[in-house]
């Protein structure tokens, strides 16, 4: 199976894992809608121009209900359907100027906590809720929540990020049970290690972490697999992209290493 004739929305899709998944879906024939607070229109157009697929780039803050609803309305007006939603947009504490080692909960600013929770958790809630009626109308759908190892194990100094990812894992399980009978799959996907993005400062990583630094493309094969699921397939699961690649003969950590 391929993603041809399917319409996918990827939030936070202009960089890192989001961009890698967007391009991966496009190469499989999907129509891709990239929703990002920083749309980087010219960069995205240059990357998609070589691919024979339709795409749209929309400036969106996923934490704002009216903007999410406007995004979904534009997608339906332009393409008539939504088959896949990737809730990838997210914020980490370093985006707010906190030191690389993080900050204890007792010292975190309230506005930082609220902003991270709003983007990382409220965003997937708003996007999923707005998208579900259209997936139901199509008769199938797949929602993929991009999680993290921080959603499995608490990490000192990263309170709001960890809390948001633990909650996202819980939302994945709850939503999967609620929409299974509508033939919609809901799964979580984490890369399996630290992914090299514009926010990762490699000089601050210890040597063992640098050895495990992965390319964002590590998430693409498993994301395509999950995008093809519906309520009759894999749902309510939390996958590690790296482990999934290894299990399916797509190489271990050495195959996906990033240049630090």
Protein backbone atom coordinates (compact mmCIF):
# COMPACT_ATOMS: atom_id res chain seq x y z
CA UNK A 1 0.00 0.00 0.00
CA UNK A 2 1.03 3.62 -0.50
CA UNK A 3 -0.21 6.97 0.71
CA UNK A 4 -1.36 8.02 -2.75
CA UNK A 5 -4.67 9.93 -2.69
CA UNK A 6 -4.41 10.43 1.09
CA UNK A 7 -4.24 13.86 2.71
CA UNK A 8 -1.93 14.27 5.69
CA UNK A 9 -1.51 17.18 8.10
CA UNK A 10 1.86 17.45 9.86
CA UNK A 11 2.15 20.05 12.59
CA UNK A 12 5.57 21.56 13.25
CA UNK A 13 6.51 20.30 9.80
CA UNK A 14 9.15 22.80 8.69
CA UNK A 15 12.12 21.28 10.48
CA UNK A 16 13.46 18.20 12.23
CA UNK A 17 11.23 15.15 12.55
CA UNK A 18 8.22 17.03 11.20
CA UNK A 19 9.96 17.97 7.96
CA UNK A 20 11.41 14.48 7.54
CA UNK A 21 7.95 12.92 7.94
CA UNK A 22 6.37 15.49 5.60
CA UNK A 23 8.86 14.70 2.85
CA UNK A 24 8.58 10.96 3.53
CA UNK A 25 4.81 11.08 3.14
CA UNK A 26 5.11 13.17 -0.04
CA UNK A 27 7.49 10.63 -1.57
CA UNK A 28 4.84 7.98 -0.90
CA UNK A 29 2.33 10.04 -2.87
CA UNK A 30 0.42 11.78 -0.09
CA UNK A 31 -0.89 15.31 -0.27
CA UNK A 32 0.87 17.02 2.64
CA UNK A 33 -0.30 20.01 4.66
CA UNK A 34 2.44 21.51 6.79
CA UNK A 35 1.17 23.55 9.72
CA UNK A 36 3.82 25.51 11.58
CA UNK A 37 4.07 28.69 13.60
CA UNK A 38 7.13 29.55 11.49
CA UNK A 39 6.10 28.39 8.00
CA UNK A 40 9.45 28.94 6.15
CA UNK A 41 7.49 28.97 2.91
CA UNK A 42 10.39 29.34 0.46
CA UNK A 43 12.42 26.56 2.08
CA UNK A 44 9.49 24.15 2.03
CA UNK A 45 8.59 25.00 -1.56
CA UNK A 46 12.14 24.29 -2.71
CA UNK A 47 12.09 20.86 -1.06
CA UNK A 48 8.64 19.88 -2.36
CA UNK A 49 8.96 21.31 -5.86
CA UNK A 50 10.89 18.23 -7.02
CA UNK A 51 8.17 15.86 -5.81
CA UNK A 52 5.09 15.06 -7.85
CA UNK A 53 2.59 15.69 -5.10
CA UNK A 54 0.34 18.45 -3.84
CA UNK A 55 1.21 20.34 -0.68
CA UNK A 56 0.15 23.31 1.38
CA UNK A 57 1.98 25.35 4.01
CA UNK A 58 -0.08 27.17 6.63
CA UNK A 59 1.05 29.37 9.49
CA UNK A 60 -0.65 27.96 12.57
CA UNK A 61 -0.28 28.06 16.33
CA UNK A 62 -1.68 24.68 17.37
CA UNK A 63 -2.44 25.94 20.86
CA UNK A 64 -5.01 28.44 19.53
CA UNK A 65 -8.43 26.87 18.95
CA UNK A 66 -9.58 29.39 16.33
CA UNK A 67 -6.39 28.96 14.30
CA UNK A 68 -6.66 25.15 14.40
CA UNK A 69 -10.28 25.30 13.26
CA UNK A 70 -9.30 27.69 10.47
CA UNK A 71 -6.53 25.34 9.36
CA UNK A 72 -8.86 22.35 9.17
CA UNK A 73 -11.45 24.37 7.25
CA UNK A 74 -8.80 25.44 4.71
CA UNK A 75 -7.62 21.85 4.22
CA UNK A 76 -11.17 20.61 3.63
CA UNK A 77 -11.91 23.48 1.25
CA UNK A 78 -8.73 22.79 -0.74
CA UNK A 79 -8.51 18.99 -0.69
CA UNK A 80 -11.90 17.75 0.53
CA UNK A 81 -10.66 15.24 3.07
CA UNK A 82 -8.20 14.44 5.86
CA UNK A 83 -6.82 10.93 6.28
CA UNK A 84 -3.75 11.40 8.48
CA UNK A 85 -2.81 13.76 11.31
CA UNK A 86 0.70 13.91 12.73
CA UNK A 87 0.79 15.88 15.99
CA UNK A 88 4.46 16.77 15.91
CA UNK A 89 4.62 20.45 16.95
CA UNK A 90 6.33 20.74 20.30
CA UNK A 91 8.43 22.93 22.53
CA UNK A 92 11.36 22.08 24.78
CA UNK A 93 12.66 24.13 27.68
CA UNK A 94 15.76 25.28 25.82
CA UNK A 95 13.47 27.28 23.54
CA UNK A 96 12.84 29.58 26.52
CA UNK A 97 16.48 30.21 27.35
CA UNK A 98 16.80 27.68 30.16
CA UNK A 99 20.23 26.02 30.55
CA UNK A 100 20.87 22.76 28.75
CA UNK A 101 20.66 20.80 32.00
CA UNK A 102 17.14 22.14 32.52
CA UNK A 103 15.56 23.77 35.53
CA UNK A 104 13.89 22.37 38.67
CA UNK A 105 10.12 22.65 38.86
CA UNK A 106 10.45 25.01 41.83
CA UNK A 107 12.16 27.58 39.60
CA UNK A 108 10.19 27.28 36.35
CA UNK A 109 8.28 30.36 35.29
CA UNK A 110 4.52 29.88 35.08
CA UNK A 111 4.38 31.25 31.53
CA UNK A 112 6.99 28.68 30.44
CA UNK A 113 5.01 25.82 31.96
CA UNK A 114 1.78 27.01 30.36
CA UNK A 115 3.29 27.53 26.92
CA UNK A 116 4.94 24.10 26.77
CA UNK A 117 1.80 22.32 27.99
CA UNK A 118 -0.38 24.33 25.60
CA UNK A 119 1.68 23.47 22.52
CA UNK A 120 2.67 19.91 23.43
CA UNK A 121 -0.67 18.71 24.84
CA UNK A 122 -3.45 21.20 24.14
CA UNK A 123 -2.27 21.33 20.51
CA UNK A 124 -2.71 17.60 19.84
CA UNK A 125 -6.08 17.71 21.62
CA UNK A 126 -7.35 20.63 19.51
CA UNK A 127 -6.00 19.23 16.23
CA UNK A 128 -7.35 15.74 16.89
CA UNK A 129 -10.77 16.97 17.94
CA UNK A 130 -11.08 19.21 14.88
CA UNK A 131 -9.89 16.47 12.51
CA UNK A 132 -11.90 13.50 13.78
CA UNK A 133 -15.27 14.42 12.17
CA UNK A 134 -13.60 14.54 8.75
CA UNK A 135 -11.83 11.21 9.25
CA UNK A 136 -15.16 9.72 10.33
CA UNK A 137 -16.77 11.03 7.15
CA UNK A 138 -14.01 9.47 5.01
CA UNK A 139 -14.44 6.18 6.87
CA UNK A 140 -10.91 5.75 8.17
CA UNK A 141 -8.02 7.68 9.62
CA UNK A 142 -4.72 7.63 11.47
CA UNK A 143 -3.52 10.00 14.18
CA UNK A 144 0.17 9.86 15.10
CA UNK A 145 1.33 11.65 18.23
CA UNK A 146 5.07 12.32 18.24
CA UNK A 147 6.24 11.44 21.71
CA UNK A 148 9.63 11.05 23.37
CA UNK A 149 11.57 8.89 25.77
CA UNK A 150 10.62 11.63 28.22
CA UNK A 151 7.08 10.29 27.99
CA UNK A 152 8.25 6.99 29.50
CA UNK A 153 10.70 8.08 32.20
CA UNK A 154 10.89 11.27 34.25
CA UNK A 155 13.97 13.46 33.75
CA UNK A 156 15.09 15.98 36.33
CA UNK A 157 15.08 19.57 35.13
CA UNK A 158 12.52 19.04 32.37
CA UNK A 159 9.24 19.10 34.28
CA UNK A 160 6.80 20.64 31.78
CA UNK A 161 8.22 18.75 28.78
CA UNK A 162 8.13 15.41 30.60
CA UNK A 163 4.63 16.09 31.95
CA UNK A 164 3.37 16.96 28.47
CA UNK A 165 4.81 13.81 26.90
CA UNK A 166 3.52 11.50 29.65
CA UNK A 167 0.10 13.08 29.16
CA UNK A 168 0.35 12.72 25.38
CA UNK A 169 0.96 8.99 25.81
CA UNK A 170 -2.16 8.84 27.99
CA UNK A 171 -4.21 10.84 25.50
CA UNK A 172 -3.10 8.41 22.79
CA UNK A 173 -4.42 5.42 24.73
CA UNK A 174 -7.72 7.10 25.65
CA UNK A 175 -8.41 8.42 22.16
CA UNK A 176 -7.55 5.10 20.52
CA UNK A 177 -10.28 3.40 22.56
CA UNK A 178 -12.81 6.12 21.78
CA UNK A 179 -12.39 6.14 18.00
CA UNK A 180 -11.53 2.53 17.20
CA UNK A 181 -15.14 1.78 16.18
CA UNK A 182 -14.95 4.75 13.80
CA UNK A 183 -12.10 2.90 12.04
CA UNK A 184 -9.51 5.43 13.20
CA UNK A 185 -6.12 4.46 14.60
CA UNK A 186 -4.30 6.54 17.22
CA UNK A 187 -0.68 5.75 18.05
CA UNK A 188 2.36 7.39 19.61
CA UNK A 189 5.80 7.42 18.00
CA UNK A 190 9.12 8.40 19.53
CA UNK A 191 12.45 8.41 17.70
CA UNK A 192 14.19 6.07 20.13
CA UNK A 193 17.13 8.37 20.89
CA UNK A 194 18.11 12.02 20.68
CA UNK A 195 17.47 13.45 17.23
CA UNK A 196 19.71 16.13 15.75
CA UNK A 197 17.66 19.29 15.20
CA UNK A 198 18.38 23.00 15.21
CA UNK A 199 17.65 23.07 18.96
CA UNK A 200 20.06 20.31 19.95
CA UNK A 201 23.40 21.71 21.11
CA UNK A 202 25.75 18.83 20.50
CA UNK A 203 28.60 20.38 22.47
CA UNK A 204 26.48 20.07 25.63
CA UNK A 205 25.91 16.34 25.16
CA UNK A 206 28.05 13.78 26.94
CA UNK A 207 30.04 11.45 24.63
CA UNK A 208 27.62 8.52 25.05
CA UNK A 209 24.73 10.75 23.97
CA UNK A 210 26.62 12.01 20.92
CA UNK A 211 27.18 8.43 19.80
CA UNK A 212 23.40 7.91 19.81
CA UNK A 213 22.47 11.13 18.01
CA UNK A 214 20.12 10.26 15.15
CA UNK A 215 18.98 11.83 11.89
CA UNK A 216 15.34 13.02 11.91
CA UNK A 217 14.68 10.59 9.04
CA UNK A 218 14.85 7.73 11.56
CA UNK A 219 11.16 8.37 12.29
CA UNK A 220 9.96 8.17 8.68
CA UNK A 221 9.55 4.40 8.04
CA UNK A 222 7.55 3.83 11.22
CA UNK A 223 5.51 6.99 10.59
CA UNK A 224 4.54 5.71 7.13
CA UNK A 225 3.61 2.35 8.65
CA UNK A 226 1.39 4.04 11.26
CA UNK A 227 -0.13 6.36 8.67
CA UNK A 228 -1.45 3.30 6.84
CA UNK A 229 -3.22 1.96 9.94
CA UNK A 230 -6.89 2.33 10.81
CA UNK A 231 -9.17 1.05 13.54
CA UNK A 232 -8.77 -2.52 12.25
CA UNK A 233 -4.97 -2.36 12.42
CA UNK A 234 -2.38 -1.22 14.93
CA UNK A 235 -3.86 1.28 17.39
CA UNK A 236 -3.27 2.43 20.95
CA UNK A 237 0.42 1.59 20.72
CA UNK A 238 3.60 3.51 21.50
CA UNK A 239 6.41 2.68 19.09
CA UNK A 240 10.12 3.47 19.13
CA UNK A 241 11.14 4.35 15.58
CA UNK A 242 14.66 3.03 16.03
CA UNK A 243 13.45 -0.30 17.43
CA UNK A 244 10.83 -0.58 14.68
CA UNK A 245 13.49 -0.03 12.02
CA UNK A 246 15.70 -2.71 13.56
CA UNK A 247 12.83 -5.20 13.73
CA UNK A 248 12.02 -4.63 10.06
CA UNK A 249 15.56 -4.89 8.75
CA UNK A 250 16.05 -1.15 8.19
CA UNK A 251 19.22 -0.91 10.20
CA UNK A 252 20.21 -0.22 13.77
CA UNK A 253 21.60 2.89 15.34
CA UNK A 254 24.67 2.97 13.07
CA UNK A 255 22.42 3.29 10.01
CA UNK A 256 20.69 6.41 11.37
CA UNK A 257 23.54 8.25 13.05
CA UNK A 258 23.68 11.99 12.57
CA UNK A 259 26.82 14.00 12.09
CA UNK A 260 27.24 15.82 15.40
